[in-house]
């Protein structure tokens, strides 16, 4: 009796060993719902990678141009060359600092015909800088909310595929009237693939979202400081003209 049970277990293992677990075979054995889950996760992964590349390029260019812009515009303002400072800002369109400083300088130049900067005019320049900061912040954050959404939902999409795979596994056991490994291997592998793929999509998206968010916060501080320094420059110019 014991020998018969051992032989039965060996046959079950032998049946299970015949199941292929390469990706192509698992895809072929997947049901339509599970394939739909994989396709959705693939789209989410491609979109998140696109956002990562786009934001990395944008942030790198903003950092590079800002490093060149800051000393150049500081030299122009030190010599009182407003037109040259505006020209330098216009040449660095990808710099987050240039966009804010340019807005303040444009407002400054608009009131230059009065030969003085009244309190209301300084406040107007301050508001122009604040509007530019808000616009640039929105531009820097473009696509980041999507990364957060993908990072939060991809595991649950994969979990849905896992549920479908387990259901298929039980269906296989029921139809074949056996508890052998071959009866459940397809469904279990289907479940594991969707779960793993969901995590594979979610983890990089969360990491990238956190990294880019920290960069946006750092850029925001730099823009606020630049705006404040520019307003101080306007106030000093007003005091020097009295």
Protein backbone atom coordinates (compact mmCIF):
# COMPACT_ATOMS: atom_id res chain seq x y z
CA UNK A 1 0.00 0.00 0.00
CA UNK A 2 2.79 2.39 0.92
CA UNK A 3 4.67 1.51 -2.27
CA UNK A 4 1.58 2.27 -4.34
CA UNK A 5 1.30 5.73 -2.77
CA UNK A 6 4.97 6.44 -3.47
CA UNK A 7 4.52 5.40 -7.09
CA UNK A 8 1.44 7.64 -7.39
CA UNK A 9 3.36 10.64 -5.98
CA UNK A 10 6.24 9.98 -8.38
CA UNK A 11 3.82 9.92 -11.30
CA UNK A 12 2.37 13.26 -10.18
CA UNK A 13 5.84 14.79 -10.05
CA UNK A 14 6.65 13.34 -13.45
CA UNK A 15 3.49 14.85 -14.90
CA UNK A 16 4.40 18.23 -13.39
CA UNK A 17 7.91 18.14 -14.77
CA UNK A 18 6.50 18.03 -18.29
CA UNK A 19 4.99 21.48 -17.95
CA UNK A 20 7.02 24.18 -19.67
CA UNK A 21 7.53 27.43 -17.77
CA UNK A 22 9.10 29.61 -20.44
CA UNK A 23 7.40 32.93 -21.11
CA UNK A 24 6.05 31.95 -24.52
CA UNK A 25 4.38 28.82 -23.17
CA UNK A 26 2.93 30.64 -20.19
CA UNK A 27 1.55 33.33 -22.51
CA UNK A 28 -0.03 30.65 -24.69
CA UNK A 29 -1.63 28.99 -21.65
CA UNK A 30 -3.03 32.23 -20.25
CA UNK A 31 -6.71 32.99 -20.48
CA UNK A 32 -8.01 36.13 -22.13
CA UNK A 33 -8.46 38.04 -18.81
CA UNK A 34 -4.89 37.30 -17.74
CA UNK A 35 -3.53 38.32 -21.15
CA UNK A 36 -5.51 41.55 -20.83
CA UNK A 37 -3.87 42.19 -17.45
CA UNK A 38 -0.41 41.66 -18.94
CA UNK A 39 -1.16 44.01 -21.83
CA UNK A 40 -2.43 46.69 -19.46
CA UNK A 41 0.68 46.35 -17.29
CA UNK A 42 2.88 46.56 -20.39
CA UNK A 43 1.17 49.81 -21.42
CA UNK A 44 1.58 51.21 -17.91
CA UNK A 45 5.26 50.23 -17.90
CA UNK A 46 5.90 51.84 -21.31
CA UNK A 47 4.13 55.04 -20.26
CA UNK A 48 6.03 55.29 -16.97
CA UNK A 49 9.36 54.74 -18.74
CA UNK A 50 8.46 57.49 -21.19
CA UNK A 51 7.69 59.90 -18.35
CA UNK A 52 10.94 58.98 -16.58
CA UNK A 53 13.00 59.69 -19.69
CA UNK A 54 11.16 62.93 -20.45
CA UNK A 55 11.44 64.29 -16.90
CA UNK A 56 15.10 63.25 -16.59
CA UNK A 57 15.99 65.10 -19.78
CA UNK A 58 13.96 68.16 -18.76
CA UNK A 59 15.46 68.30 -15.26
CA UNK A 60 19.00 67.77 -16.54
CA UNK A 61 18.65 70.59 -19.06
CA UNK A 62 17.09 72.86 -16.45
CA UNK A 63 19.97 72.21 -14.06
CA UNK A 64 22.63 72.67 -16.75
CA UNK A 65 21.21 75.94 -18.12
CA UNK A 66 20.55 77.33 -14.64
CA UNK A 67 24.20 76.87 -13.70
CA UNK A 68 25.19 78.88 -16.76
CA UNK A 69 22.42 81.45 -16.36
CA UNK A 70 22.88 82.38 -12.70
CA UNK A 71 26.39 83.92 -12.90
CA UNK A 72 25.68 85.51 -16.29
CA UNK A 73 22.52 87.32 -15.17
CA UNK A 74 24.13 88.29 -11.87
CA UNK A 75 26.91 90.04 -13.77
CA UNK A 76 24.42 91.91 -15.96
CA UNK A 77 22.36 93.09 -13.00
CA UNK A 78 25.46 94.13 -11.10
CA UNK A 79 26.29 96.47 -13.99
CA UNK A 80 22.69 97.62 -14.32
CA UNK A 81 22.27 96.08 -17.80
CA UNK A 82 18.61 95.09 -17.65
CA UNK A 83 18.24 94.53 -21.39
CA UNK A 84 21.23 92.20 -21.45
CA UNK A 85 19.88 90.32 -18.43
CA UNK A 86 16.57 89.79 -20.23
CA UNK A 87 18.45 88.65 -23.32
CA UNK A 88 20.42 86.12 -21.27
CA UNK A 89 17.19 84.82 -19.76
CA UNK A 90 15.60 84.42 -23.19
CA UNK A 91 18.59 82.36 -24.31
CA UNK A 92 18.06 79.87 -21.47
CA UNK A 93 14.42 78.92 -21.97
CA UNK A 94 14.83 75.52 -20.31
CA UNK A 95 16.19 76.99 -17.09
CA UNK A 96 13.61 77.23 -14.31
CA UNK A 97 15.50 80.18 -12.82
CA UNK A 98 15.59 82.03 -16.14
CA UNK A 99 11.81 81.83 -16.53
CA UNK A 100 11.18 83.36 -13.10
CA UNK A 101 13.85 86.04 -13.40
CA UNK A 102 12.71 86.96 -16.89
CA UNK A 103 9.14 87.50 -15.69
CA UNK A 104 10.34 89.87 -12.98
CA UNK A 105 12.68 91.72 -15.34
CA UNK A 106 9.99 92.12 -17.97
CA UNK A 107 7.73 93.71 -15.38
CA UNK A 108 10.62 95.91 -14.27
CA UNK A 109 11.24 97.10 -17.82
CA UNK A 110 7.55 97.79 -18.38
CA UNK A 111 7.68 100.46 -15.64
CA UNK A 112 11.14 101.78 -16.48
CA UNK A 113 9.70 104.76 -18.37
CA UNK A 114 8.62 106.30 -15.07
CA UNK A 115 12.30 106.46 -13.97
CA UNK A 116 11.43 105.11 -10.55
CA UNK A 117 10.04 101.98 -9.03
CA UNK A 118 7.18 102.76 -6.73
CA UNK A 119 5.96 100.36 -4.08
CA UNK A 120 3.10 99.21 -6.26
CA UNK A 121 5.45 98.54 -9.15
CA UNK A 122 7.75 96.44 -6.95
CA UNK A 123 4.72 94.49 -5.78
CA UNK A 124 3.70 94.00 -9.40
CA UNK A 125 7.13 92.53 -10.16
CA UNK A 126 6.81 90.26 -7.15
CA UNK A 127 3.47 88.95 -8.39
CA UNK A 128 4.95 88.38 -11.85
CA UNK A 129 7.68 86.23 -10.31
CA UNK A 130 5.14 84.29 -8.26
CA UNK A 131 3.02 83.60 -11.36
CA UNK A 132 6.10 82.39 -13.21
CA UNK A 133 7.01 80.12 -10.28
CA UNK A 134 3.55 78.55 -10.31
CA UNK A 135 3.72 77.93 -14.07
CA UNK A 136 7.20 76.42 -13.92
CA UNK A 137 6.24 74.20 -10.99
CA UNK A 138 3.29 72.87 -12.97
CA UNK A 139 5.57 72.20 -15.94
CA UNK A 140 8.12 70.37 -13.78
CA UNK A 141 5.41 68.17 -12.26
CA UNK A 142 3.96 67.15 -15.61
CA UNK A 143 3.52 63.38 -15.68
CA UNK A 144 4.52 62.80 -12.06
CA UNK A 145 0.94 62.21 -10.90
CA UNK A 146 0.74 59.43 -13.49
CA UNK A 147 3.85 57.82 -12.05
CA UNK A 148 2.27 57.92 -8.60
CA UNK A 149 -0.92 56.35 -9.94
CA UNK A 150 0.97 53.56 -11.71
CA UNK A 151 3.07 52.88 -8.62
CA UNK A 152 -0.05 52.60 -6.49
CA UNK A 153 -2.28 50.60 -8.85
CA UNK A 154 0.06 48.27 -10.78
CA UNK A 155 0.33 45.74 -7.90
CA UNK A 156 -3.47 45.58 -7.70
CA UNK A 157 -3.75 45.06 -11.45
CA UNK A 158 -1.24 42.21 -11.09
CA UNK A 159 -3.23 40.88 -8.13
CA UNK A 160 -6.32 40.73 -10.33
CA UNK A 161 -4.32 38.58 -12.74
CA UNK A 162 -3.26 36.41 -9.81
CA UNK A 163 -6.88 35.86 -8.83
CA UNK A 164 -7.79 34.89 -12.38
CA UNK A 165 -4.81 32.49 -12.51
CA UNK A 166 -5.83 30.77 -9.30
CA UNK A 167 -9.38 30.39 -10.57
CA UNK A 168 -8.02 28.79 -13.74
CA UNK A 169 -5.88 26.48 -11.61
CA UNK A 170 -8.92 25.20 -9.74
CA UNK A 171 -10.78 24.85 -13.00
CA UNK A 172 -7.93 22.67 -14.27
CA UNK A 173 -8.12 20.47 -11.20
CA UNK A 174 -11.87 20.13 -11.58
CA UNK A 175 -11.83 19.29 -15.28
CA UNK A 176 -8.98 16.78 -15.09
CA UNK A 177 -10.30 15.12 -11.94
CA UNK A 178 -6.78 14.94 -10.54
CA UNK A 179 -4.63 16.80 -8.06
CA UNK A 180 -1.44 16.36 -10.08
CA UNK A 181 0.96 19.24 -10.59
CA UNK A 182 0.12 19.42 -14.27
CA UNK A 183 -3.47 20.25 -13.39
CA UNK A 184 -2.55 23.43 -11.52
CA UNK A 185 0.86 24.38 -12.94
CA UNK A 186 -0.55 26.51 -15.78
CA UNK A 187 -2.85 28.52 -13.55
CA UNK A 188 -0.26 28.99 -10.82
CA UNK A 189 2.40 30.11 -13.30
CA UNK A 190 -0.13 32.51 -14.82
CA UNK A 191 -0.80 33.92 -11.37
CA UNK A 192 2.89 34.31 -10.55
CA UNK A 193 3.66 36.04 -13.86
CA UNK A 194 1.01 38.73 -13.41
CA UNK A 195 1.99 39.31 -9.79
CA UNK A 196 5.68 39.63 -10.63
CA UNK A 197 4.95 41.88 -13.61
CA UNK A 198 2.77 44.14 -11.48
CA UNK A 199 5.57 44.59 -8.96
CA UNK A 200 8.11 45.05 -11.77
CA UNK A 201 6.04 47.96 -13.10
CA UNK A 202 5.18 49.51 -9.73
CA UNK A 203 8.54 49.59 -7.93
CA UNK A 204 10.48 51.68 -10.50
CA UNK A 205 7.52 54.04 -10.85
CA UNK A 206 7.44 54.71 -7.10
CA UNK A 207 11.21 55.21 -6.93
CA UNK A 208 11.15 57.59 -9.89
CA UNK A 209 8.19 59.53 -8.49
CA UNK A 210 9.95 60.10 -5.17
CA UNK A 211 13.20 61.11 -6.87
CA UNK A 212 11.54 63.56 -9.25
CA UNK A 213 9.38 65.01 -6.47
CA UNK A 214 12.48 65.79 -4.43
CA UNK A 215 14.00 67.48 -7.49
CA UNK A 216 10.89 69.62 -8.00
CA UNK A 217 11.00 70.72 -4.37
CA UNK A 218 14.67 71.67 -4.73
CA UNK A 219 13.93 73.62 -7.91
CA UNK A 220 11.06 75.36 -6.12
CA UNK A 221 13.38 76.54 -3.36
CA UNK A 222 15.87 77.83 -5.94
CA UNK A 223 13.14 79.74 -7.78
CA UNK A 224 11.84 81.29 -4.55
CA UNK A 225 15.34 82.40 -3.59
CA UNK A 226 16.00 83.86 -7.03
CA UNK A 227 12.69 85.72 -6.97
CA UNK A 228 13.46 87.13 -3.53
CA UNK A 229 16.94 88.25 -4.60
CA UNK A 230 15.50 89.94 -7.69
CA UNK A 231 12.93 91.85 -5.63
CA UNK A 232 15.72 92.94 -3.26
CA UNK A 233 17.62 94.20 -6.32
CA UNK A 234 14.59 96.24 -7.41
CA UNK A 235 14.25 97.73 -3.93
CA UNK A 236 17.92 98.71 -3.90
CA UNK A 237 17.55 100.27 -7.34
CA UNK A 238 14.58 102.28 -6.08
CA UNK A 239 16.54 103.43 -3.03
CA UNK A 240 19.52 104.45 -5.16
CA UNK A 241 17.34 106.67 -7.36
CA UNK A 242 15.89 108.68 -4.49
